[in-house]
Amino acid sequence: MIYRKVVLSNPLTLPHSPVCLPMTKDALGLLQVYTGPGKGKTTAAVGLAVRAVSGGLKVAFIQFAKPSESGEVESLKTLGVTCLRFGAKGWVKDGDGEAENNSAHKEAAHKGWQAALCYLKGEEQVDLLILDELNVTLSLGLLDTAEVVEVIVNRPHGLEVVCTGRGAPVELAAAADLVTEMLEIKHYFKQGVGARRGIEY
């Protein structure tokens, strides 16, 4: 097996050990985007939600494009996370967002966005808002990207927002403070392993 050696041209040096400070609400308010074709975007967001609750933060978790409840939701509810799910049955093909047969998907996406607006406009107060699979609804044309990005950018001060899903629009990525792209190097789906309860959903 061959490993690629990575050499940092300007390695970071610290004069002393970093100090770990407790999470304070004054430090919140960034926009994070988890995207890319690899597995782990929702999983990362769920992990962040658990960490946030442990830190005394109030969290809302809104799922787009998911018609059935996945395994993590019940656990998050137990922790006190507000969980909302919006999605229609079946698949939407790329570029078909305006097609007549996708009206149910558009309706579900808009209902989810209306729920998100309650937090993004300050009608409901949370510290962390996770918009799971929002990127997908934008890339498929189920929601207007310009409108969504404008609202997120102008959200209440101190509201941390996480957007997950493949195909994050350039406009959303440009507005974000952090963008993580999950890359698929190898996936067991290609070996015939199906989605497993407790692991994929």
Protein backbone atom coordinates (compact mmCIF):
# COMPACT_ATOMS: atom_id res chain seq x y z
CA MET A 1 0.00 0.00 0.00
CA ILE A 2 1.32 3.45 -0.93
CA TYR A 3 0.67 6.48 1.22
CA ARG A 4 1.06 10.02 0.00
CA LYS A 5 3.31 12.06 2.24
CA VAL A 6 1.98 15.53 2.92
CA VAL A 7 4.46 18.22 3.95
CA LEU A 8 3.21 21.55 5.27
CA SER A 9 5.22 24.44 3.88
CA ASN A 10 4.36 26.69 6.82
CA PRO A 11 3.46 24.49 9.79
CA LEU A 12 1.43 26.20 12.48
CA THR A 13 3.28 26.69 15.76
CA LEU A 14 1.70 27.83 19.00
CA PRO A 15 3.67 29.52 21.79
CA HIS A 16 1.61 27.62 24.37
CA SER A 17 -1.12 25.04 24.58
CA PRO A 18 -4.47 26.32 23.24
CA VAL A 19 -7.01 27.25 25.87
CA CYS A 20 -10.40 25.50 25.63
CA LEU A 21 -13.15 27.98 26.34
CA PRO A 22 -16.75 27.01 27.13
CA MET A 23 -19.26 27.57 24.33
CA THR A 24 -21.02 30.90 24.76
CA LYS A 25 -23.97 32.20 22.82
CA ASP A 26 -21.91 35.26 21.88
CA ALA A 27 -19.72 32.98 19.74
CA LEU A 28 -22.63 31.68 17.65
CA GLY A 29 -23.98 32.95 14.36
CA LEU A 30 -21.98 31.28 11.58
CA LEU A 31 -23.23 29.49 8.46
CA GLN A 32 -21.95 25.97 7.83
CA VAL A 33 -22.52 23.94 4.65
CA TYR A 34 -21.95 20.18 4.41
CA THR A 35 -22.10 18.98 0.81
CA GLY A 36 -20.55 16.58 -1.69
CA PRO A 37 -21.31 13.09 -3.02
CA GLY A 38 -19.87 11.21 -0.03
CA LYS A 39 -21.69 9.70 2.93
CA GLY A 40 -21.84 11.52 6.25
CA LYS A 41 -23.46 14.93 5.79
CA THR A 42 -26.58 14.34 7.85
CA THR A 43 -24.58 12.23 10.29
CA ALA A 44 -22.21 15.14 10.89
CA ALA A 45 -25.11 17.52 11.44
CA VAL A 46 -26.74 15.11 13.91
CA GLY A 47 -23.48 14.85 15.81
CA LEU A 48 -23.28 18.63 15.97
CA ALA A 49 -26.86 18.78 17.28
CA VAL A 50 -25.99 16.36 20.08
CA ARG A 51 -22.90 18.38 20.96
CA ALA A 52 -24.90 21.62 20.96
CA VAL A 53 -27.55 20.24 23.29
CA SER A 54 -24.81 19.01 25.60
CA GLY A 55 -23.47 22.56 25.62
CA GLY A 56 -26.81 23.95 26.74
CA LEU A 57 -27.95 25.22 23.34
CA LYS A 58 -31.43 25.07 21.88
CA VAL A 59 -31.59 23.22 18.56
CA ALA A 60 -34.11 22.85 15.71
CA PHE A 61 -33.63 20.12 13.09
CA ILE A 62 -35.66 20.49 9.87
CA GLN A 63 -35.46 17.74 7.26
CA PHE A 64 -36.24 18.40 3.61
CA ALA A 65 -36.82 15.75 0.91
CA LYS A 66 -37.27 12.96 3.45
CA PRO A 67 -40.79 11.49 3.38
CA SER A 68 -40.14 8.93 6.11
CA GLU A 69 -38.57 9.39 9.53
CA SER A 70 -34.99 8.20 9.90
CA GLY A 71 -33.47 6.64 13.00
CA GLU A 72 -31.75 9.68 14.44
CA VAL A 73 -34.95 11.70 14.88
CA GLU A 74 -36.31 9.86 17.92
CA SER A 75 -32.98 10.20 19.70
CA LEU A 76 -32.82 13.92 18.94
CA LYS A 77 -36.37 14.40 20.22
CA THR A 78 -35.39 12.64 23.44
CA LEU A 79 -32.61 15.20 23.86
CA GLY A 80 -35.09 18.06 23.45
CA VAL A 81 -34.33 18.92 19.82
CA THR A 82 -37.28 20.24 17.81
CA CYS A 83 -37.54 17.94 14.77
CA LEU A 84 -39.67 18.65 11.70
CA ARG A 85 -39.76 16.59 8.50
CA PHE A 86 -41.02 17.53 5.03
CA GLY A 87 -40.88 15.35 1.96
CA ALA A 88 -43.00 13.67 -0.71
CA LYS A 89 -42.73 10.05 -1.81
CA GLY A 90 -40.69 9.15 -4.87
CA TRP A 91 -37.65 10.71 -6.49
CA VAL A 92 -37.05 14.02 -8.21
CA LYS A 93 -34.66 14.00 -11.13
CA ASP A 94 -32.08 16.74 -11.58
CA GLY A 95 -33.55 19.65 -13.51
CA ASP A 96 -37.15 18.51 -13.08
CA GLY A 97 -38.04 20.93 -10.31
CA GLU A 98 -40.61 22.69 -12.46
CA ALA A 99 -42.18 19.54 -13.88
CA GLU A 100 -45.86 18.98 -13.17
CA ASN A 101 -45.28 15.54 -11.69
CA ASN A 102 -42.99 17.09 -9.08
CA SER A 103 -45.66 19.36 -7.63
CA ALA A 104 -45.86 17.25 -4.45
CA HIS A 105 -42.10 17.63 -3.94
CA LYS A 106 -42.27 21.39 -4.44
CA GLU A 107 -45.19 21.67 -2.04
CA ALA A 108 -43.31 19.70 0.63
CA ALA A 109 -40.17 21.80 0.11
CA HIS A 110 -42.14 25.04 0.47
CA LYS A 111 -43.82 23.79 3.64
CA GLY A 112 -40.39 22.99 5.04
CA TRP A 113 -39.11 26.42 4.07
CA GLN A 114 -42.07 28.10 5.78
CA ALA A 115 -41.17 26.20 8.95
CA ALA A 116 -37.56 27.31 8.61
CA LEU A 117 -38.62 30.93 8.16
CA CYS A 118 -40.06 30.95 11.68
CA TYR A 119 -36.50 30.58 12.96
CA LEU A 120 -34.69 32.53 10.25
CA LYS A 121 -36.92 35.56 10.84
CA GLY A 122 -36.77 35.33 14.62
CA GLU A 123 -40.37 34.28 15.27
CA GLU A 124 -39.07 31.17 17.06
CA GLN A 125 -35.83 31.30 19.05
CA VAL A 126 -33.10 28.66 18.81
CA ASP A 127 -29.31 28.77 18.91
CA LEU A 128 -28.68 26.21 16.17
CA LEU A 129 -30.86 25.59 13.12
CA ILE A 130 -30.05 22.53 10.99
CA LEU A 131 -31.60 22.47 7.51
CA ASP A 132 -31.00 18.87 6.51
CA GLU A 133 -31.01 18.25 2.72
CA LEU A 134 -31.80 21.90 1.97
CA ASN A 135 -28.99 21.83 -0.59
CA VAL A 136 -30.80 19.10 -2.50
CA THR A 137 -34.04 21.06 -2.73
CA LEU A 138 -32.10 24.04 -4.07
CA SER A 139 -30.11 22.04 -6.63
CA LEU A 140 -33.31 20.45 -7.93
CA GLY A 141 -35.10 23.77 -8.29
CA LEU A 142 -37.74 23.04 -5.66
CA LEU A 143 -36.93 26.32 -3.87
CA ASP A 144 -35.58 29.61 -5.18
CA THR A 145 -31.87 29.77 -4.38
CA ALA A 146 -31.59 33.56 -4.41
CA GLU A 147 -34.49 33.96 -1.98
CA VAL A 148 -33.22 31.26 0.36
CA VAL A 149 -29.67 32.61 0.46
CA GLU A 150 -30.88 36.16 1.06
CA VAL A 151 -33.00 35.09 4.04
CA ILE A 152 -30.22 32.97 5.53
CA VAL A 153 -27.67 35.77 5.16
CA ASN A 154 -30.05 38.19 6.92
CA ARG A 155 -30.95 35.79 9.76
CA PRO A 156 -31.08 37.00 13.37
CA HIS A 157 -27.74 37.75 14.99
CA GLY A 158 -26.35 34.78 16.85
CA LEU A 159 -28.31 32.09 14.97
CA GLU A 160 -25.97 29.32 13.82
CA VAL A 161 -27.22 27.61 10.64
CA VAL A 162 -26.13 24.31 9.11
CA CYS A 163 -27.24 23.32 5.59
CA THR A 164 -26.64 19.77 4.42
CA GLY A 165 -27.06 17.84 1.18
CA ARG A 166 -25.46 17.20 -2.18
CA GLY A 167 -25.16 19.90 -4.78
CA ALA A 168 -24.92 23.00 -2.60
CA PRO A 169 -25.38 26.03 -4.88
CA VAL A 170 -22.38 28.27 -5.43
CA GLU A 171 -24.29 31.20 -3.94
CA LEU A 172 -24.87 29.36 -0.67
CA ALA A 173 -21.29 28.14 -0.48
CA ALA A 174 -20.01 31.66 -1.12
CA ALA A 175 -22.11 33.02 1.75
CA ALA A 176 -20.98 30.30 4.18
CA ASP A 177 -18.31 30.60 6.85
CA LEU A 178 -17.48 26.89 6.56
CA VAL A 179 -17.97 24.52 3.62
CA THR A 180 -17.14 20.83 4.01
CA GLU A 181 -17.26 18.61 0.93
CA MET A 182 -17.73 14.90 1.62
CA LEU A 183 -15.92 12.91 -1.08
CA GLU A 184 -16.72 9.32 -1.95
CA ILE A 185 -13.47 7.38 -2.14
CA LYS A 186 -15.08 3.95 -1.72
CA HIS A 187 -18.65 2.92 -0.91
CA TYR A 188 -20.05 -0.48 0.02
CA PHE A 189 -23.28 0.30 -1.86
CA LYS A 190 -21.33 -0.51 -5.02
CA GLN A 191 -20.63 -3.95 -3.57
CA GLY A 192 -24.35 -4.63 -3.24
CA VAL A 193 -24.76 -3.66 0.42
CA GLY A 194 -28.13 -1.97 0.86
CA ALA A 195 -29.19 0.77 3.26
CA ARG A 196 -29.17 -0.54 6.84
CA ARG A 197 -31.39 0.64 9.64
CA GLY A 198 -29.33 2.32 12.34
CA ILE A 199 -26.49 3.02 9.92
CA GLU A 200 -27.96 4.71 6.81
CA TYR A 201 -31.36 5.59 8.23
